[in-house]
């Protein structure tokens, strides 16, 4: 369905004890998810001081010398945690590698964790830079706040789909969330036409909670192929749904293409949080999204298989480019 702007939703009602208040927010989520697959959230409950500190910690890390960042390179991690330099990933496999550097972290699981012992991809330990006092604790505090917010939004999404608001809870007791710190240098004046800060792509999982600074650069593609800016709005997060949610809803909800071009002339920092459910959770068409006239379009798949395959495709594509 057509859209020309990205709606702003006050989600304070999701924390209300009144079911009617929660359903009212869910209806707005339904309309935004159906039409755009993107929306801003205001009144989200995450403190501005924590947000500011998290941006400061991201800048502190990326300001380190390359040799220091390389000590926590993702090549040292069997689960792709840690640092990736510029051009390490191609989210658009038909474009040049992305002009961004990043740091990945997830739930920090020890070697004796049952999921780690089972050898599940995406489960294990984070890599932490040395000689950065307080860095880990600040990032973990924000990570915990993002998890709480994601669980609220999952309840809102369930209500928006005419499901019990705790429908997704059993699938989120051992989730696979990833927090990613991103740094985009100013876009080169002589960049090739197929060079982007982050190439055109859809996100892969359940939902994404994005913090972006004031530089801007995020663009969302409408069904007509027009790119509209997701401009920074103070006090909000940008939320978008991933391929997993589109698959789950039989494409009733949208996983919308987007990209980043940092035209600001200054450094850009953004912090996406990818909320993904249990590795073994089966994603199959929801009961409220199918009928005799609208049968399921996709075969069931586990969440873990889906995420691992998507990551493999983008890293393999990069490996074949110069």
Protein backbone atom coordinates (compact mmCIF):
# COMPACT_ATOMS: atom_id res chain seq x y z
CA UNK A 1 0.00 0.00 0.00
CA UNK A 2 1.20 3.51 -0.77
CA UNK A 3 2.72 5.79 1.86
CA UNK A 4 4.41 9.14 1.62
CA UNK A 5 5.55 9.69 5.19
CA UNK A 6 6.52 7.65 8.24
CA UNK A 7 4.02 7.87 11.10
CA UNK A 8 4.87 8.74 14.70
CA UNK A 9 3.23 6.59 17.39
CA UNK A 10 3.09 7.46 21.08
CA UNK A 11 3.50 4.02 22.67
CA UNK A 12 2.92 5.10 26.27
CA UNK A 13 -0.42 3.27 26.15
CA UNK A 14 1.36 -0.07 25.84
CA UNK A 15 2.40 0.37 29.47
CA UNK A 16 -1.17 1.12 30.61
CA UNK A 17 -3.09 -1.32 32.81
CA UNK A 18 -6.12 -0.63 30.62
CA UNK A 19 -6.41 -3.11 27.74
CA UNK A 20 -8.30 -0.51 25.73
CA UNK A 21 -5.29 1.82 25.89
CA UNK A 22 -2.98 -0.96 24.76
CA UNK A 23 -5.29 -1.90 21.89
CA UNK A 24 -5.48 1.72 20.77
CA UNK A 25 -1.70 1.80 20.33
CA UNK A 26 -1.82 -1.61 18.66
CA UNK A 27 -4.24 -0.29 16.06
CA UNK A 28 -1.77 2.44 15.12
CA UNK A 29 0.98 -0.17 14.91
CA UNK A 30 -1.26 -2.25 12.65
CA UNK A 31 -1.83 0.59 10.21
CA UNK A 32 1.85 1.59 10.13
CA UNK A 33 3.04 -2.00 9.77
CA UNK A 34 0.54 -2.71 7.00
CA UNK A 35 1.24 0.43 5.00
CA UNK A 36 4.88 1.35 5.58
CA UNK A 37 6.65 -1.27 7.68
CA UNK A 38 8.32 1.72 9.38
CA UNK A 39 7.21 4.01 12.18
CA UNK A 40 8.68 6.28 14.83
CA UNK A 41 7.91 5.66 18.48
CA UNK A 42 7.67 8.43 21.08
CA UNK A 43 7.11 8.16 24.85
CA UNK A 44 9.15 4.95 24.77
CA UNK A 45 10.48 5.06 28.33
CA UNK A 46 14.21 4.91 27.57
CA UNK A 47 16.00 7.79 29.29
CA UNK A 48 17.63 10.52 27.23
CA UNK A 49 20.71 10.33 29.45
CA UNK A 50 21.17 6.64 28.61
CA UNK A 51 20.73 7.38 24.91
CA UNK A 52 23.28 10.21 25.03
CA UNK A 53 25.76 8.04 26.90
CA UNK A 54 25.36 5.23 24.38
CA UNK A 55 26.14 7.56 21.49
CA UNK A 56 29.17 8.84 23.39
CA UNK A 57 30.41 5.28 23.94
CA UNK A 58 29.95 4.49 20.24
CA UNK A 59 32.03 7.52 19.27
CA UNK A 60 34.66 6.63 21.87
CA UNK A 61 35.09 3.21 20.31
CA UNK A 62 35.24 4.34 16.69
CA UNK A 63 37.74 7.08 17.59
CA UNK A 64 40.23 4.39 18.66
CA UNK A 65 43.15 3.66 16.32
CA UNK A 66 42.38 1.00 13.74
CA UNK A 67 45.00 -1.31 15.25
CA UNK A 68 43.22 -1.18 18.62
CA UNK A 69 39.79 -1.83 17.08
CA UNK A 70 41.29 -4.73 15.12
CA UNK A 71 42.12 -6.43 18.43
CA UNK A 72 38.39 -7.16 18.73
CA UNK A 73 37.88 -7.92 15.04
CA UNK A 74 34.99 -10.24 14.21
CA UNK A 75 37.52 -12.55 12.52
CA UNK A 76 38.44 -13.61 16.08
CA UNK A 77 34.84 -14.61 16.80
CA UNK A 78 33.15 -17.77 15.58
CA UNK A 79 29.79 -16.00 15.85
CA UNK A 80 30.70 -12.72 14.09
CA UNK A 81 30.80 -10.56 17.22
CA UNK A 82 33.16 -7.61 17.44
CA UNK A 83 34.54 -5.07 14.98
CA UNK A 84 34.10 -4.90 11.21
CA UNK A 85 36.01 -2.24 9.23
CA UNK A 86 34.80 -0.17 6.29
CA UNK A 87 33.59 -2.23 3.34
CA UNK A 88 33.31 -5.47 5.32
CA UNK A 89 29.69 -6.05 4.31
CA UNK A 90 27.47 -5.66 1.23
CA UNK A 91 23.84 -5.45 2.26
CA UNK A 92 22.99 -4.80 -1.40
CA UNK A 93 24.75 -7.62 -3.23
CA UNK A 94 24.51 -5.70 -6.51
CA UNK A 95 26.31 -2.62 -5.13
CA UNK A 96 29.77 -1.78 -3.82
CA UNK A 97 30.62 -2.80 -0.23
CA UNK A 98 29.06 -0.57 2.43
CA UNK A 99 30.91 2.57 3.56
CA UNK A 100 30.48 1.94 7.27
CA UNK A 101 32.35 0.38 10.16
CA UNK A 102 30.60 -1.47 12.94
CA UNK A 103 30.74 -3.30 16.24
CA UNK A 104 28.45 -6.24 17.06
CA UNK A 105 27.38 -7.48 20.47
CA UNK A 106 24.68 -9.86 21.66
CA UNK A 107 23.75 -11.81 24.76
CA UNK A 108 27.08 -12.71 26.38
CA UNK A 109 26.94 -16.48 26.85
CA UNK A 110 29.70 -18.46 28.56
CA UNK A 111 31.18 -21.68 27.12
CA UNK A 112 29.15 -23.78 29.55
CA UNK A 113 25.82 -22.22 28.49
CA UNK A 114 23.62 -25.07 27.14
CA UNK A 115 22.98 -23.24 23.87
CA UNK A 116 26.70 -22.64 23.35
CA UNK A 117 27.52 -26.25 24.16
CA UNK A 118 24.93 -27.27 21.59
CA UNK A 119 26.90 -25.32 18.98
CA UNK A 120 24.08 -23.01 17.93
CA UNK A 121 25.16 -20.23 15.56
CA UNK A 122 24.89 -16.71 17.00
CA UNK A 123 25.27 -17.91 20.58
CA UNK A 124 28.44 -17.27 22.56
CA UNK A 125 30.70 -14.62 24.02
CA UNK A 126 31.12 -11.01 23.02
CA UNK A 127 34.49 -9.42 22.32
CA UNK A 128 35.27 -6.40 24.50
CA UNK A 129 37.95 -3.75 23.87
CA UNK A 130 40.61 -3.49 26.57
CA UNK A 131 41.61 -0.26 28.29
CA UNK A 132 38.13 1.25 27.83
CA UNK A 133 36.86 1.72 31.40
CA UNK A 134 33.08 1.64 31.72
CA UNK A 135 32.54 0.90 28.04
CA UNK A 136 31.13 -2.59 28.48
CA UNK A 137 28.85 -1.69 31.39
CA UNK A 138 27.34 1.28 29.51
CA UNK A 139 26.65 -0.83 26.42
CA UNK A 140 25.12 -3.63 28.47
CA UNK A 141 22.83 -1.14 30.24
CA UNK A 142 21.50 0.12 26.93
CA UNK A 143 21.24 -3.45 25.60
CA UNK A 144 19.01 -4.39 28.56
CA UNK A 145 16.79 -1.32 27.99
CA UNK A 146 16.43 -2.22 24.32
CA UNK A 147 15.36 -5.76 25.24
CA UNK A 148 12.65 -4.40 27.55
CA UNK A 149 11.41 -2.08 24.80
CA UNK A 150 11.41 -4.88 22.23
CA UNK A 151 9.26 -7.04 24.50
CA UNK A 152 6.75 -4.19 24.84
CA UNK A 153 6.62 -3.80 21.08
CA UNK A 154 6.19 -7.55 20.59
CA UNK A 155 3.09 -7.41 22.80
CA UNK A 156 1.81 -4.47 20.76
CA UNK A 157 2.42 -6.35 17.52
CA UNK A 158 0.59 -9.40 18.84
CA UNK A 159 -2.45 -7.27 19.73
CA UNK A 160 -2.25 -5.57 16.35
CA UNK A 161 -2.62 -8.98 14.69
CA UNK A 162 -5.68 -9.94 16.78
CA UNK A 163 -3.61 -12.35 18.86
CA UNK A 164 -3.23 -12.65 22.59
CA UNK A 165 -0.76 -9.93 23.56
CA UNK A 166 1.61 -12.55 25.01
CA UNK A 167 1.45 -14.77 21.93
CA UNK A 168 5.15 -14.31 21.13
CA UNK A 169 6.41 -14.63 24.72
CA UNK A 170 7.19 -18.38 24.62
CA UNK A 171 9.32 -17.78 21.52
CA UNK A 172 11.43 -15.13 23.24
CA UNK A 173 12.76 -16.86 26.36
CA UNK A 174 16.15 -17.49 24.69
CA UNK A 175 16.26 -14.76 22.04
CA UNK A 176 19.06 -13.81 19.63
CA UNK A 177 19.20 -10.00 19.85
CA UNK A 178 22.08 -8.10 18.30
CA UNK A 179 23.14 -4.55 19.07
CA UNK A 180 25.22 -2.92 16.38
CA UNK A 181 27.18 0.31 16.68
CA UNK A 182 27.64 1.95 13.29
CA UNK A 183 29.88 4.76 12.08
CA UNK A 184 29.48 6.30 8.64
CA UNK A 185 32.12 8.75 7.39
CA UNK A 186 30.88 11.57 5.14
CA UNK A 187 29.88 10.21 1.75
CA UNK A 188 32.78 10.65 -0.71
CA UNK A 189 32.31 13.45 -3.21
CA UNK A 190 33.58 11.15 -5.96
CA UNK A 191 31.61 8.07 -4.87
CA UNK A 192 30.47 5.69 -7.55
CA UNK A 193 26.76 5.57 -8.34
CA UNK A 194 26.46 2.17 -6.65
CA UNK A 195 28.30 3.17 -3.47
CA UNK A 196 26.26 3.72 -0.31
CA UNK A 197 26.86 4.04 3.38
CA UNK A 198 24.52 1.08 3.66
CA UNK A 199 23.14 -0.50 0.51
CA UNK A 200 19.49 -1.12 -0.24
CA UNK A 201 18.17 -3.99 1.87
CA UNK A 202 15.41 -5.21 4.11
CA UNK A 203 16.15 -6.27 7.66
CA UNK A 204 16.02 -9.98 8.27
CA UNK A 205 14.38 -10.64 11.59
CA UNK A 206 11.45 -9.77 13.84
CA UNK A 207 11.89 -6.02 14.32
CA UNK A 208 14.59 -3.36 14.51
CA UNK A 209 14.84 -0.51 17.04
CA UNK A 210 17.05 2.23 15.61
CA UNK A 211 18.75 5.14 17.32
CA UNK A 212 20.08 7.67 14.84
CA UNK A 213 21.98 10.87 15.45
CA UNK A 214 21.20 14.24 13.91
CA UNK A 215 23.18 13.69 10.69
CA UNK A 216 20.32 11.94 8.89
CA UNK A 217 20.84 9.76 5.84
CA UNK A 218 18.35 6.94 6.36
CA UNK A 219 16.00 6.60 3.39
CA UNK A 220 12.96 4.36 2.98
CA UNK A 221 11.62 3.14 -0.37
CA UNK A 222 7.92 3.52 -1.15
CA UNK A 223 6.06 0.95 -3.28
CA UNK A 224 6.35 3.39 -6.19
CA UNK A 225 10.14 3.33 -5.90
CA UNK A 226 10.46 6.81 -4.37
CA UNK A 227 13.05 7.29 -1.61
CA UNK A 228 11.79 9.31 1.35
CA UNK A 229 13.98 10.40 4.27
CA UNK A 230 13.49 9.01 7.77
CA UNK A 231 14.64 12.25 9.31
CA UNK A 232 15.93 12.26 12.87
CA UNK A 233 13.19 13.31 15.31
CA UNK A 234 14.40 14.05 18.86
CA UNK A 235 12.97 11.77 21.52
CA UNK A 236 12.05 8.97 19.13
CA UNK A 237 13.29 5.65 17.84
CA UNK A 238 12.72 4.43 14.31
CA UNK A 239 11.07 1.00 14.22
CA UNK A 240 10.94 -1.26 11.20
CA UNK A 241 9.80 -4.80 10.65
CA UNK A 242 12.03 -7.46 9.16
CA UNK A 243 11.56 -10.26 6.66
CA UNK A 244 10.67 -12.68 9.44
CA UNK A 245 7.63 -10.65 10.43
CA UNK A 246 6.54 -10.26 6.79
CA UNK A 247 6.84 -14.02 6.37
CA UNK A 248 4.98 -14.69 9.61
CA UNK A 249 2.09 -12.44 8.57
CA UNK A 250 1.81 -13.79 5.02
CA UNK A 251 3.07 -10.40 3.78
CA UNK A 252 0.22 -8.59 5.53
CA UNK A 253 2.92 -6.56 7.29
CA UNK A 254 5.74 -5.02 5.30
CA UNK A 255 9.50 -5.49 5.40
CA UNK A 256 10.43 -2.34 3.55
CA UNK A 257 13.66 -1.67 1.60
CA UNK A 258 15.86 1.08 3.00
CA UNK A 259 19.40 2.44 2.65
CA UNK A 260 21.78 5.00 4.12
CA UNK A 261 23.65 7.77 2.29
CA UNK A 262 25.45 10.14 4.65
CA UNK A 263 25.19 13.42 2.75
CA UNK A 264 25.57 15.53 5.90
CA UNK A 265 29.27 16.25 5.40
CA UNK A 266 29.96 15.06 8.96
CA UNK A 267 30.39 11.78 10.80
CA UNK A 268 27.17 9.80 11.28
CA UNK A 269 26.50 7.38 14.13
CA UNK A 270 23.55 5.05 14.43
CA UNK A 271 22.72 2.18 16.76
CA UNK A 272 20.31 -0.47 15.49
CA UNK A 273 19.06 -3.16 17.84
CA UNK A 274 17.84 -6.27 16.05
CA UNK A 275 15.28 -8.23 18.05
CA UNK A 276 15.24 -11.86 17.01
CA UNK A 277 13.50 -14.74 18.71
CA UNK A 278 14.71 -18.19 19.79
CA UNK A 279 16.91 -20.03 17.32
CA UNK A 280 14.61 -23.08 17.15
CA UNK A 281 11.34 -21.10 17.05
CA UNK A 282 9.32 -22.08 14.00
CA UNK A 283 8.11 -19.20 11.85
CA UNK A 284 4.96 -20.19 10.00
CA UNK A 285 1.92 -18.24 8.89
CA UNK A 286 0.00 -16.83 11.86
CA UNK A 287 -3.57 -18.07 12.27
CA UNK A 288 -5.02 -14.57 11.87
CA UNK A 289 -3.14 -14.00 8.61
CA UNK A 290 -4.51 -16.88 6.55
CA UNK A 291 -7.83 -18.13 5.25
CA UNK A 292 -9.25 -20.40 2.57
CA UNK A 293 -8.87 -17.51 0.14
CA UNK A 294 -5.46 -16.46 1.47
CA UNK A 295 -3.44 -19.62 2.17
CA UNK A 296 0.13 -19.48 3.55
CA UNK A 297 2.67 -18.35 0.97
CA UNK A 298 5.79 -19.65 2.72
CA UNK A 299 6.94 -22.95 4.15
CA UNK A 300 7.78 -23.03 7.86
CA UNK A 301 11.38 -22.21 8.78
CA UNK A 302 13.23 -21.83 12.07
CA UNK A 303 14.26 -18.34 13.05
CA UNK A 304 17.88 -19.37 13.39
CA UNK A 305 18.13 -20.93 9.95
CA UNK A 306 16.68 -17.80 8.41
CA UNK A 307 19.06 -15.36 10.15
CA UNK A 308 22.20 -17.42 9.56
CA UNK A 309 21.46 -17.80 5.85
CA UNK A 310 20.86 -14.08 5.38
CA UNK A 311 24.11 -13.16 7.11
CA UNK A 312 26.00 -15.72 5.03
CA UNK A 313 24.68 -14.21 1.80
CA UNK A 314 25.87 -10.68 2.62
CA UNK A 315 29.35 -11.74 3.78
CA UNK A 316 29.89 -14.08 0.83
CA UNK A 317 28.84 -11.31 -1.55
CA UNK A 318 31.43 -8.98 -0.01
CA UNK A 319 34.19 -11.58 -0.22
CA UNK A 320 33.78 -11.69 -4.00
CA UNK A 321 34.31 -7.93 -4.45
CA UNK A 322 37.34 -5.70 -4.45
